[in-house]
């Protein structure tokens, strides 16, 4: 019974890479295809999450016992938090100025 479970749930590095690549391309599609600034910001966050999956997976499946991938993932999480705070502040400022969060409606860079 345990060999069947081990066979069914034998998750390796290729599985994590496929998951990460899929998430990255979903985020990339969201960034390139969406017009809403909040959806674009969410797509960027999905892409950063896929990078975190890659970092942790490569750290897990390499022979080095150090936790360098986990540390880099924590830095990416901190960077993502800073990006969200600045991005939302910019989106709120754009909404106050233009009364819209659509990327096509923002046509001027003046105050």
PDB file of N, CA and C in Angstrom:
ATOM      1  N   UNK A   1       0.825  -1.198   0.000  1.00  0.00           N
ATOM      2  CA  UNK A   1       0.000   0.000   0.000  1.00  0.00           C
ATOM      3  C   UNK A   1       0.865   1.256   0.000  1.00  0.00           C
ATOM      4  N   UNK A   2       1.922   1.276   0.785  1.00  0.00           N
ATOM      5  CA  UNK A   2       2.755   2.475   0.851  1.00  0.00           C
ATOM      6  C   UNK A   2       3.505   2.709  -0.456  1.00  0.00           C
ATOM      7  N   UNK A   3       3.823   1.628  -1.191  1.00  0.00           N
ATOM      8  CA  UNK A   3       4.501   1.818  -2.478  1.00  0.00           C
ATOM      9  C   UNK A   3       3.565   2.469  -3.488  1.00  0.00           C
ATOM     10  N   UNK A   4       2.274   2.148  -3.413  1.00  0.00           N
ATOM     11  CA  UNK A   4       1.298   2.779  -4.305  1.00  0.00           C
ATOM     12  C   UNK A   4       1.167   4.255  -3.975  1.00  0.00           C
ATOM     13  N   UNK A   5       1.106   4.579  -2.711  1.00  0.00           N
ATOM     14  CA  UNK A   5       1.015   5.981  -2.292  1.00  0.00           C
ATOM     15  C   UNK A   5       2.284   6.726  -2.679  1.00  0.00           C
ATOM     16  N   UNK A   6       3.425   6.091  -2.481  1.00  0.00           N
ATOM     17  CA  UNK A   6       4.686   6.720  -2.857  1.00  0.00           C
ATOM     18  C   UNK A   6       4.753   6.940  -4.368  1.00  0.00           C
ATOM     19  N   UNK A   7       4.232   6.025  -5.152  1.00  0.00           N
ATOM     20  CA  UNK A   7       4.226   6.169  -6.604  1.00  0.00           C
ATOM     21  C   UNK A   7       3.286   7.287  -7.041  1.00  0.00           C
ATOM     22  N   UNK A   8       2.134   7.382  -6.392  1.00  0.00           N
ATOM     23  CA  UNK A   8       1.159   8.401  -6.779  1.00  0.00           C
ATOM     24  C   UNK A   8       1.584   9.801  -6.362  1.00  0.00           C
ATOM     25  N   UNK A   9       2.261   9.918  -5.254  1.00  0.00           N
ATOM     26  CA  UNK A   9       2.619  11.226  -4.720  1.00  0.00           C
ATOM     27  C   UNK A   9       4.103  11.494  -4.771  1.00  0.00           C
ATOM     28  N   UNK A  10       4.794  10.948  -5.737  1.00  0.00           N
ATOM     29  CA  UNK A  10       6.223  11.195  -5.889  1.00  0.00           C
ATOM     30  C   UNK A  10       6.407  12.503  -6.664  1.00  0.00           C
ATOM     31  N   UNK A  11       6.453  13.576  -5.938  1.00  0.00           N
ATOM     32  CA  UNK A  11       6.549  14.898  -6.549  1.00  0.00           C
ATOM     33  C   UNK A  11       8.010  15.304  -6.562  1.00  0.00           C
ATOM     34  N   UNK A  12       8.507  15.590  -7.740  1.00  0.00           N
ATOM     35  CA  UNK A  12       9.906  15.949  -7.893  1.00  0.00           C
ATOM     36  C   UNK A  12      10.074  17.366  -8.419  1.00  0.00           C
ATOM     37  N   UNK A  13      11.292  17.695  -8.751  1.00  0.00           N
ATOM     38  CA  UNK A  13      11.615  19.029  -9.247  1.00  0.00           C
ATOM     39  C   UNK A  13      10.864  19.378 -10.530  1.00  0.00           C
ATOM     40  N   UNK A  14      10.706  18.474 -11.493  1.00  0.00           N
ATOM     41  CA  UNK A  14       9.956  18.851 -12.705  1.00  0.00           C
ATOM     42  C   UNK A  14       8.520  19.285 -12.430  1.00  0.00           C
ATOM     43  N   UNK A  15       7.894  18.700 -11.428  1.00  0.00           N
ATOM     44  CA  UNK A  15       6.528  19.099 -11.089  1.00  0.00           C
ATOM     45  C   UNK A  15       6.486  20.546 -10.602  1.00  0.00           C
ATOM     46  N   UNK A  16       7.449  20.910  -9.767  1.00  0.00           N
ATOM     47  CA  UNK A  16       7.503  22.281  -9.280  1.00  0.00           C
ATOM     48  C   UNK A  16       7.826  23.254 -10.411  1.00  0.00           C
ATOM     49  N   UNK A  17       8.686  22.847 -11.328  1.00  0.00           N
ATOM     50  CA  UNK A  17       9.029  23.722 -12.452  1.00  0.00           C
ATOM     51  C   UNK A  17       7.847  23.916 -13.392  1.00  0.00           C
ATOM     52  N   UNK A  18       7.070  22.874 -13.606  1.00  0.00           N
ATOM     53  CA  UNK A  18       5.871  23.006 -14.438  1.00  0.00           C
ATOM     54  C   UNK A  18       4.860  23.925 -13.763  1.00  0.00           C
ATOM     55  N   UNK A  19       4.661  23.748 -12.462  1.00  0.00           N
ATOM     56  CA  UNK A  19       3.749  24.626 -11.718  1.00  0.00           C
ATOM     57  C   UNK A  19       4.221  26.069 -11.767  1.00  0.00           C
ATOM     58  N   UNK A  20       5.502  26.278 -11.556  1.00  0.00           N
ATOM     59  CA  UNK A  20       6.049  27.622 -11.550  1.00  0.00           C
ATOM     60  C   UNK A  20       5.955  28.270 -12.927  1.00  0.00           C
ATOM     61  N   UNK A  21       6.269  27.515 -13.965  1.00  0.00           N
ATOM     62  CA  UNK A  21       6.164  28.052 -15.318  1.00  0.00           C
ATOM     63  C   UNK A  21       4.737  28.402 -15.683  1.00  0.00           C
ATOM     64  N   UNK A  22       3.798  27.549 -15.281  1.00  0.00           N
ATOM     65  CA  UNK A  22       2.384  27.827 -15.546  1.00  0.00           C
ATOM     66  C   UNK A  22       1.940  29.089 -14.835  1.00  0.00           C
ATOM     67  N   UNK A  23       2.300  29.228 -13.563  1.00  0.00           N
ATOM     68  CA  UNK A  23       1.948  30.446 -12.823  1.00  0.00           C
ATOM     69  C   UNK A  23       2.595  31.675 -13.438  1.00  0.00           C
ATOM     70  N   UNK A  24       3.847  31.543 -13.877  1.00  0.00           N
ATOM     71  CA  UNK A  24       4.529  32.687 -14.458  1.00  0.00           C
ATOM     72  C   UNK A  24       3.829  33.142 -15.736  1.00  0.00           C
ATOM     73  N   UNK A  25       3.429  32.200 -16.588  1.00  0.00           N
ATOM     74  CA  UNK A  25       2.781  32.597 -17.829  1.00  0.00           C
ATOM     75  C   UNK A  25       1.357  33.095 -17.605  1.00  0.00           C
ATOM     76  N   UNK A  26       0.680  32.624 -16.571  1.00  0.00           N
ATOM     77  CA  UNK A  26      -0.620  33.200 -16.210  1.00  0.00           C
ATOM     78  C   UNK A  26      -0.438  34.653 -15.776  1.00  0.00           C
ATOM     79  N   UNK A  27       0.574  34.906 -14.948  1.00  0.00           N
ATOM     80  CA  UNK A  27       0.857  36.280 -14.518  1.00  0.00           C
ATOM     81  C   UNK A  27       1.293  37.156 -15.664  1.00  0.00           C
ATOM     82  N   UNK A  28       2.115  36.624 -16.569  1.00  0.00           N
ATOM     83  CA  UNK A  28       2.561  37.393 -17.732  1.00  0.00           C
ATOM     84  C   UNK A  28       1.389  37.728 -18.636  1.00  0.00           C
ATOM     85  N   UNK A  29       0.489  36.773 -18.841  1.00  0.00           N
ATOM     86  CA  UNK A  29      -0.704  37.042 -19.641  1.00  0.00           C
ATOM     87  C   UNK A  29      -1.552  38.127 -18.991  1.00  0.00           C
ATOM     88  N   UNK A  30      -1.672  38.074 -17.672  1.00  0.00           N
ATOM     89  CA  UNK A  30      -2.449  39.075 -16.955  1.00  0.00           C
ATOM     90  C   UNK A  30      -1.830  40.464 -17.093  1.00  0.00           C
ATOM     91  N   UNK A  31      -0.516  40.538 -17.036  1.00  0.00           N
ATOM     92  CA  UNK A  31       0.154  41.833 -17.168  1.00  0.00           C
ATOM     93  C   UNK A  31      -0.002  42.391 -18.580  1.00  0.00           C
ATOM     94  N   UNK A  32       0.104  41.531 -19.572  1.00  0.00           N
ATOM     95  CA  UNK A  32       0.072  41.999 -20.953  1.00  0.00           C
ATOM     96  C   UNK A  32      -1.335  42.201 -21.495  1.00  0.00           C
ATOM     97  N   UNK A  33      -2.316  41.441 -21.025  1.00  0.00           N
ATOM     98  CA  UNK A  33      -3.641  41.477 -21.631  1.00  0.00           C
ATOM     99  C   UNK A  33      -4.649  42.335 -20.875  1.00  0.00           C
ATOM    100  N   UNK A  34      -4.468  42.533 -19.612  1.00  0.00           N
ATOM    101  CA  UNK A  34      -5.468  43.255 -18.832  1.00  0.00           C
ATOM    102  C   UNK A  34      -5.288  44.766 -18.976  1.00  0.00           C
ATOM    103  N   UNK A  35      -6.370  45.465 -18.791  1.00  0.00           N
ATOM    104  CA  UNK A  35      -6.336  46.929 -18.838  1.00  0.00           C
ATOM    105  C   UNK A  35      -6.479  47.552 -17.454  1.00  0.00           C
ATOM    106  N   UNK A  36      -7.000  46.797 -16.516  1.00  0.00           N
ATOM    107  CA  UNK A  36      -7.187  47.295 -15.169  1.00  0.00           C
ATOM    108  C   UNK A  36      -5.852  47.277 -14.436  1.00  0.00           C
ATOM    109  N   UNK A  37      -5.503  48.384 -13.795  1.00  0.00           N
ATOM    110  CA  UNK A  37      -4.215  48.481 -13.120  1.00  0.00           C
ATOM    111  C   UNK A  37      -4.099  47.509 -11.951  1.00  0.00           C
ATOM    112  N   UNK A  38      -5.195  47.244 -11.271  1.00  0.00           N
ATOM    113  CA  UNK A  38      -5.153  46.309 -10.149  1.00  0.00           C
ATOM    114  C   UNK A  38      -4.907  44.893 -10.659  1.00  0.00           C
ATOM    115  N   UNK A  39      -5.509  44.526 -11.795  1.00  0.00           N
ATOM    116  CA  UNK A  39      -5.270  43.202 -12.381  1.00  0.00           C
ATOM    117  C   UNK A  39      -3.822  43.071 -12.856  1.00  0.00           C
ATOM    118  N   UNK A  40      -3.258  44.141 -13.368  1.00  0.00           N
ATOM    119  CA  UNK A  40      -1.851  44.129 -13.776  1.00  0.00           C
ATOM    120  C   UNK A  40      -0.958  43.923 -12.559  1.00  0.00           C
ATOM    121  N   UNK A  41      -1.264  44.595 -11.473  1.00  0.00           N
ATOM    122  CA  UNK A  41      -0.492  44.439 -10.236  1.00  0.00           C
ATOM    123  C   UNK A  41      -0.620  43.012  -9.692  1.00  0.00           C
ATOM    124  N   UNK A  42      -1.807  42.436  -9.781  1.00  0.00           N
ATOM    125  CA  UNK A  42      -1.990  41.056  -9.328  1.00  0.00           C
ATOM    126  C   UNK A  42      -1.206  40.082 -10.208  1.00  0.00           C
ATOM    127  N   UNK A  43      -1.128  40.349 -11.509  1.00  0.00           N
ATOM    128  CA  UNK A  43      -0.329  39.514 -12.396  1.00  0.00           C
ATOM    129  C   UNK A  43       1.145  39.556 -12.042  1.00  0.00           C
ATOM    130  N   UNK A  44       1.625  40.730 -11.670  1.00  0.00           N
ATOM    131  CA  UNK A  44       3.020  40.844 -11.246  1.00  0.00           C
ATOM    132  C   UNK A  44       3.259  40.060  -9.959  1.00  0.00           C
ATOM    133  N   UNK A  45       2.299  40.062  -9.065  1.00  0.00           N
ATOM    134  CA  UNK A  45       2.434  39.295  -7.824  1.00  0.00           C
ATOM    135  C   UNK A  45       2.436  37.792  -8.098  1.00  0.00           C
ATOM    136  N   UNK A  46       1.632  37.349  -9.056  1.00  0.00           N
ATOM    137  CA  UNK A  46       1.629  35.926  -9.423  1.00  0.00           C
ATOM    138  C   UNK A  46       2.990  35.539  -9.984  1.00  0.00           C
ATOM    139  N   UNK A  47       3.589  36.416 -10.792  1.00  0.00           N
ATOM    140  CA  UNK A  47       4.912  36.114 -11.343  1.00  0.00           C
ATOM    141  C   UNK A  47       5.957  36.041 -10.233  1.00  0.00           C
ATOM    142  N   UNK A  48       5.883  36.914  -9.246  1.00  0.00           N
ATOM    143  CA  UNK A  48       6.830  36.847  -8.129  1.00  0.00           C
ATOM    144  C   UNK A  48       6.615  35.585  -7.290  1.00  0.00           C
ATOM    145  N   UNK A  49       5.379  35.146  -7.162  1.00  0.00           N
ATOM    146  CA  UNK A  49       5.117  33.898  -6.444  1.00  0.00           C
ATOM    147  C   UNK A  49       5.709  32.704  -7.174  1.00  0.00           C
ATOM    148  N   UNK A  50       5.655  32.725  -8.498  1.00  0.00           N
ATOM    149  CA  UNK A  50       6.261  31.622  -9.242  1.00  0.00           C
ATOM    150  C   UNK A  50       7.777  31.620  -9.084  1.00  0.00           C
ATOM    151  N   UNK A  51       8.368  32.787  -8.968  1.00  0.00           N
ATOM    152  CA  UNK A  51       9.809  32.853  -8.713  1.00  0.00           C
ATOM    153  C   UNK A  51      10.123  32.257  -7.338  1.00  0.00           C
ATOM    154  N   UNK A  52       9.280  32.534  -6.358  1.00  0.00           N
ATOM    155  CA  UNK A  52       9.491  31.951  -5.025  1.00  0.00           C
ATOM    156  C   UNK A  52       9.404  30.431  -5.053  1.00  0.00           C
ATOM    157  N   UNK A  53       8.466  29.894  -5.819  1.00  0.00           N
ATOM    158  CA  UNK A  53       8.356  28.439  -5.937  1.00  0.00           C
ATOM    159  C   UNK A  53       9.637  27.869  -6.532  1.00  0.00           C
ATOM    160  N   UNK A  54      10.169  28.532  -7.565  1.00  0.00           N
ATOM    161  CA  UNK A  54      11.426  28.076  -8.159  1.00  0.00           C
ATOM    162  C   UNK A  54      12.570  28.116  -7.159  1.00  0.00           C
ATOM    163  N   UNK A  55      12.690  29.192  -6.426  1.00  0.00           N
ATOM    164  CA  UNK A  55      13.786  29.330  -5.473  1.00  0.00           C
ATOM    165  C   UNK A  55      13.744  28.234  -4.408  1.00  0.00           C
ATOM    166  N   UNK A  56      12.587  28.002  -3.845  1.00  0.00           N
ATOM    167  CA  UNK A  56      12.468  27.000  -2.789  1.00  0.00           C
ATOM    168  C   UNK A  56      12.638  25.586  -3.353  1.00  0.00           C
ATOM    169  N   UNK A  57      12.109  25.341  -4.553  1.00  0.00           N
ATOM    170  CA  UNK A  57      12.236  24.007  -5.145  1.00  0.00           C
ATOM    171  C   UNK A  57      13.688  23.692  -5.493  1.00  0.00           C
ATOM    172  N   UNK A  58      14.400  24.643  -6.076  1.00  0.00           N
ATOM    173  CA  UNK A  58      15.800  24.383  -6.391  1.00  0.00           C
ATOM    174  C   UNK A  58      16.628  24.225  -5.120  1.00  0.00           C
ATOM    175  N   UNK A  59      16.278  24.965  -4.080  1.00  0.00           N
ATOM    176  CA  UNK A  59      16.988  24.796  -2.814  1.00  0.00           C
ATOM    177  C   UNK A  59      16.723  23.408  -2.223  1.00  0.00           C
ATOM    178  N   UNK A  60      15.513  22.913  -2.379  1.00  0.00           N
ATOM    179  CA  UNK A  60      15.155  21.605  -1.825  1.00  0.00           C
ATOM    180  C   UNK A  60      15.841  20.471  -2.577  1.00  0.00           C
ATOM    181  N   UNK A  61      15.954  20.594  -3.887  1.00  0.00           N
ATOM    182  CA  UNK A  61      16.451  19.484  -4.684  1.00  0.00           C
ATOM    183  C   UNK A  61      17.923  19.608  -5.063  1.00  0.00           C
ATOM    184  N   UNK A  62      18.655  20.546  -4.497  1.00  0.00           N
ATOM    185  CA  UNK A  62      20.106  20.575  -4.674  1.00  0.00           C
ATOM    186  C   UNK A  62      20.750  19.867  -3.492  1.00  0.00           C
ATOM    187  N   UNK A  63      22.033  19.598  -3.624  1.00  0.00           N
ATOM    188  CA  UNK A  63      22.721  18.839  -2.575  1.00  0.00           C
ATOM    189  C   UNK A  63      23.208  19.719  -1.428  1.00  0.00           C
ATOM    190  N   UNK A  64      23.213  21.021  -1.619  1.00  0.00           N
ATOM    191  CA  UNK A  64      23.705  21.907  -0.565  1.00  0.00           C
ATOM    192  C   UNK A  64      22.711  21.944   0.595  1.00  0.00           C
ATOM    193  N   UNK A  65      23.196  21.810   1.833  1.00  0.00           N
ATOM    194  CA  UNK A  65      22.279  21.825   2.977  1.00  0.00           C
ATOM    195  C   UNK A  65      21.871  23.232   3.421  1.00  0.00           C
ATOM    196  N   UNK A  66      22.455  24.256   2.819  1.00  0.00           N
ATOM    197  CA  UNK A  66      22.145  25.621   3.232  1.00  0.00           C
ATOM    198  C   UNK A  66      20.752  26.020   2.753  1.00  0.00           C
ATOM    199  N   UNK A  67      20.220  27.047   3.350  1.00  0.00           N
ATOM    200  CA  UNK A  67      18.873  27.522   3.032  1.00  0.00           C
ATOM    201  C   UNK A  67      18.908  28.802   2.202  1.00  0.00           C
ATOM    202  N   UNK A  68      19.789  28.868   1.220  1.00  0.00           N
ATOM    203  CA  UNK A  68      19.916  30.086   0.425  1.00  0.00           C
ATOM    204  C   UNK A  68      18.647  30.382  -0.366  1.00  0.00           C
ATOM    205  N   UNK A  69      18.005  29.373  -0.902  1.00  0.00           N
ATOM    206  CA  UNK A  69      16.777  29.582  -1.663  1.00  0.00           C
ATOM    207  C   UNK A  69      15.662  30.147  -0.804  1.00  0.00           C
ATOM    208  N   UNK A  70      15.570  29.672   0.429  1.00  0.00           N
ATOM    209  CA  UNK A  70      14.548  30.175   1.340  1.00  0.00           C
ATOM    210  C   UNK A  70      14.810  31.630   1.711  1.00  0.00           C
ATOM    211  N   UNK A  71      16.067  31.964   1.903  1.00  0.00           N
ATOM    212  CA  UNK A  71      16.420  33.351   2.247  1.00  0.00           C
ATOM    213  C   UNK A  71      16.102  34.279   1.080  1.00  0.00           C
ATOM    214  N   UNK A  72      16.462  33.854  -0.129  1.00  0.00           N
ATOM    215  CA  UNK A  72      16.124  34.667  -1.305  1.00  0.00           C
ATOM    216  C   UNK A  72      14.618  34.792  -1.469  1.00  0.00           C
ATOM    217  N   UNK A  73      13.879  33.730  -1.165  1.00  0.00           N
ATOM    218  CA  UNK A  73      12.421  33.791  -1.256  1.00  0.00           C
ATOM    219  C   UNK A  73      11.857  34.801  -0.260  1.00  0.00           C
ATOM    220  N   UNK A  74      12.439  34.867   0.929  1.00  0.00           N
ATOM    221  CA  UNK A  74      11.993  35.876   1.905  1.00  0.00           C
ATOM    222  C   UNK A  74      12.270  37.289   1.409  1.00  0.00           C
ATOM    223  N   UNK A  75      13.415  37.488   0.744  1.00  0.00           N
ATOM    224  CA  UNK A  75      13.694  38.802   0.167  1.00  0.00           C
ATOM    225  C   UNK A  75      12.705  39.138  -0.947  1.00  0.00           C
ATOM    226  N   UNK A  76      12.334  38.154  -1.745  1.00  0.00           N
ATOM    227  CA  UNK A  76      11.354  38.396  -2.808  1.00  0.00           C
ATOM    228  C   UNK A  76       9.992  38.720  -2.208  1.00  0.00           C
ATOM    229  N   UNK A  77       9.629  38.064  -1.118  1.00  0.00           N
ATOM    230  CA  UNK A  77       8.363  38.373  -0.445  1.00  0.00           C
ATOM    231  C   UNK A  77       8.374  39.791   0.096  1.00  0.00           C
ATOM    232  N   UNK A  78       9.493  40.208   0.684  1.00  0.00           N
ATOM    233  CA  UNK A  78       9.603  41.589   1.177  1.00  0.00           C
ATOM    234  C   UNK A  78       9.534  42.581   0.018  1.00  0.00           C
ATOM    235  N   UNK A  79      10.186  42.252  -1.086  1.00  0.00           N
ATOM    236  CA  UNK A  79      10.125  43.107  -2.266  1.00  0.00           C
ATOM    237  C   UNK A  79       8.705  43.187  -2.804  1.00  0.00           C
ATOM    238  N   UNK A  80       7.985  42.071  -2.805  1.00  0.00           N
ATOM    239  CA  UNK A  80       6.606  42.062  -3.281  1.00  0.00           C
ATOM    240  C   UNK A  80       5.710  42.907  -2.386  1.00  0.00           C
ATOM    241  N   UNK A  81       5.938  42.854  -1.088  1.00  0.00           N
ATOM    242  CA  UNK A  81       5.141  43.675  -0.172  1.00  0.00           C
ATOM    243  C   UNK A  81       5.392  45.160  -0.423  1.00  0.00           C
ATOM    244  N   UNK A  82       6.643  45.523  -0.635  1.00  0.00           N
ATOM    245  CA  UNK A  82       6.953  46.924  -0.936  1.00  0.00           C
ATOM    246  C   UNK A  82       6.357  47.332  -2.274  1.00  0.00           C
ATOM    247  N   UNK A  83       6.409  46.437  -3.243  1.00  0.00           N
ATOM    248  CA  UNK A  83       5.844  46.745  -4.557  1.00  0.00           C
ATOM    249  C   UNK A  83       4.337  46.950  -4.476  1.00  0.00           C
ATOM    250  N   UNK A  84       3.659  46.134  -3.694  1.00  0.00           N
ATOM    251  CA  UNK A  84       2.215  46.274  -3.554  1.00  0.00           C
ATOM    252  C   UNK A  84       1.859  47.583  -2.874  1.00  0.00           C
ATOM    253  N   UNK A  85       2.580  47.950  -1.845  1.00  0.00           N
ATOM    254  CA  UNK A  85       2.258  49.195  -1.139  1.00  0.00           C
ATOM    255  C   UNK A  85       2.475  50.411  -2.036  1.00  0.00           C
ATOM    256  N   UNK A  86       3.582  50.438  -2.759  1.00  0.00           N
ATOM    257  CA  UNK A  86       3.834  51.560  -3.661  1.00  0.00           C
ATOM    258  C   UNK A  86       2.858  51.529  -4.837  1.00  0.00           C
ATOM    259  N   UNK A  87       2.604  50.337  -5.370  1.00  0.00           N
ATOM    260  CA  UNK A  87       1.688  50.217  -6.501  1.00  0.00           C
ATOM    261  C   UNK A  87       0.274  50.640  -6.152  1.00  0.00           C
ATOM    262  N   UNK A  88      -0.218  50.218  -4.997  1.00  0.00           N
ATOM    263  CA  UNK A  88      -1.561  50.631  -4.595  1.00  0.00           C
ATOM    264  C   UNK A  88      -1.646  52.128  -4.324  1.00  0.00           C
ATOM    265  N   UNK A  89      -0.585  52.703  -3.778  1.00  0.00           N
ATOM    266  CA  UNK A  89      -0.567  54.151  -3.574  1.00  0.00           C
ATOM    267  C   UNK A  89      -0.625  54.879  -4.918  1.00  0.00           C
ATOM    268  N   UNK A  90       0.102  54.372  -5.896  1.00  0.00           N
ATOM    269  CA  UNK A  90       0.056  54.983  -7.223  1.00  0.00           C
ATOM    270  C   UNK A  90      -1.305  54.803  -7.882  1.00  0.00           C
ATOM    271  N   UNK A  91      -1.914  53.648  -7.709  1.00  0.00           N
ATOM    272  CA  UNK A  91      -3.230  53.408  -8.294  1.00  0.00           C
ATOM    273  C   UNK A  91      -4.278  54.311  -7.659  1.00  0.00           C
ATOM    274  N   UNK A  92      -4.201  54.506  -6.357  1.00  0.00           N
ATOM    275  CA  UNK A  92      -5.129  55.419  -5.682  1.00  0.00           C
ATOM    276  C   UNK A  92      -4.923  56.843  -6.172  1.00  0.00           C
ATOM    277  N   UNK A  93      -3.676  57.242  -6.356  1.00  0.00           N
ATOM    278  CA  UNK A  93      -3.398  58.584  -6.877  1.00  0.00           C
ATOM    279  C   UNK A  93      -3.924  58.752  -8.297  1.00  0.00           C
ATOM    280  N   UNK A  94      -3.756  57.736  -9.118  1.00  0.00           N
ATOM    281  CA  UNK A  94      -4.271  57.792 -10.496  1.00  0.00           C
ATOM    282  C   UNK A  94      -5.790  57.842 -10.477  1.00  0.00           C
ATOM    283  N   UNK A  95      -6.416  57.077  -9.589  1.00  0.00           N
ATOM    284  CA  UNK A  95      -7.876  57.086  -9.512  1.00  0.00           C
ATOM    285  C   UNK A  95      -8.398  58.452  -9.081  1.00  0.00           C
ATOM    286  N   UNK A  96      -7.733  59.083  -8.144  1.00  0.00           N
ATOM    287  CA  UNK A  96      -8.161  60.419  -7.714  1.00  0.00           C
ATOM    288  C   UNK A  96      -8.035  61.435  -8.838  1.00  0.00           C
ATOM    289  N   UNK A  97      -7.027  61.284  -9.665  1.00  0.00           N
ATOM    290  CA  UNK A  97      -6.778  62.227 -10.752  1.00  0.00           C
ATOM    291  C   UNK A  97      -7.700  61.983 -11.945  1.00  0.00           C
ATOM    292  N   UNK A  98      -7.855  60.715 -12.347  1.00  0.00           N
ATOM    293  CA  UNK A  98      -8.557  60.404 -13.598  1.00  0.00           C
ATOM    294  C   UNK A  98      -9.915  59.750 -13.398  1.00  0.00           C
ATOM    295  N   UNK A  99     -10.280  59.404 -12.163  1.00  0.00           N
ATOM    296  CA  UNK A  99     -11.539  58.726 -11.844  1.00  0.00           C
ATOM    297  C   UNK A  99     -11.687  57.391 -12.581  1.00  0.00           C
ATOM    298  N   UNK A 100     -10.573  56.722 -12.833  1.00  0.00           N
ATOM    299  CA  UNK A 100     -10.577  55.432 -13.498  1.00  0.00           C
ATOM    300  C   UNK A 100      -9.275  54.708 -13.164  1.00  0.00           C
ATOM    301  N   UNK A 101      -9.340  53.374 -13.157  1.00  0.00           N
ATOM    302  CA  UNK A 101      -8.130  52.581 -12.956  1.00  0.00           C
ATOM    303  C   UNK A 101      -7.785  51.785 -14.205  1.00  0.00           C
ATOM    304  N   UNK A 102      -8.339  52.186 -15.342  1.00  0.00           N
ATOM    305  CA  UNK A 102      -8.014  51.556 -16.617  1.00  0.00           C
ATOM    306  C   UNK A 102      -6.710  52.146 -17.148  1.00  0.00           C
ATOM    307  N   UNK A 103      -5.828  51.274 -17.626  1.00  0.00           N
ATOM    308  CA  UNK A 103      -4.521  51.734 -18.108  1.00  0.00           C
ATOM    309  C   UNK A 103      -4.648  52.587 -19.361  1.00  0.00           C
ATOM    310  N   UNK A 104      -5.675  52.353 -20.185  1.00  0.00           N
ATOM    311  CA  UNK A 104      -5.848  53.131 -21.416  1.00  0.00           C
ATOM    312  C   UNK A 104      -6.329  54.547 -21.154  1.00  0.00           C
ATOM    313  N   UNK A 105      -6.984  54.768 -20.017  1.00  0.00           N
ATOM    314  CA  UNK A 105      -7.508  56.099 -19.710  1.00  0.00           C
ATOM    315  C   UNK A 105      -6.443  57.063 -19.213  1.00  0.00           C
ATOM    316  N   UNK A 106      -5.297  56.557 -18.877  1.00  0.00           N
ATOM    317  CA  UNK A 106      -4.225  57.404 -18.350  1.00  0.00           C
ATOM    318  C   UNK A 106      -3.362  57.807 -19.525  1.00  0.00           C
ATOM    319  N   UNK A 107      -3.558  59.029 -19.998  1.00  0.00           N
ATOM    320  CA  UNK A 107      -2.834  59.465 -21.194  1.00  0.00           C
ATOM    321  C   UNK A 107      -1.908  60.646 -20.951  1.00  0.00           C
ATOM    322  N   UNK A 108      -1.884  61.138 -19.747  1.00  0.00           N
ATOM    323  CA  UNK A 108      -1.012  62.290 -19.484  1.00  0.00           C
ATOM    324  C   UNK A 108      -0.151  62.017 -18.265  1.00  0.00           C
ATOM    325  N   UNK A 109       1.015  62.651 -18.264  1.00  0.00           N
ATOM    326  CA  UNK A 109       1.929  62.507 -17.136  1.00  0.00           C
ATOM    327  C   UNK A 109       1.990  63.784 -16.299  1.00  0.00           C
ATOM    328  N   UNK A 110       1.075  64.702 -16.551  1.00  0.00           N
ATOM    329  CA  UNK A 110       1.079  65.953 -15.787  1.00  0.00           C
ATOM    330  C   UNK A 110       0.278  65.805 -14.508  1.00  0.00           C
ATOM    331  N   UNK A 111       0.475  66.714 -13.592  1.00  0.00           N
ATOM    332  CA  UNK A 111      -0.224  66.686 -12.324  1.00  0.00           C
ATOM    333  C   UNK A 111      -1.555  67.325 -12.538  1.00  0.00           C
TER     334      UNK A 111
END
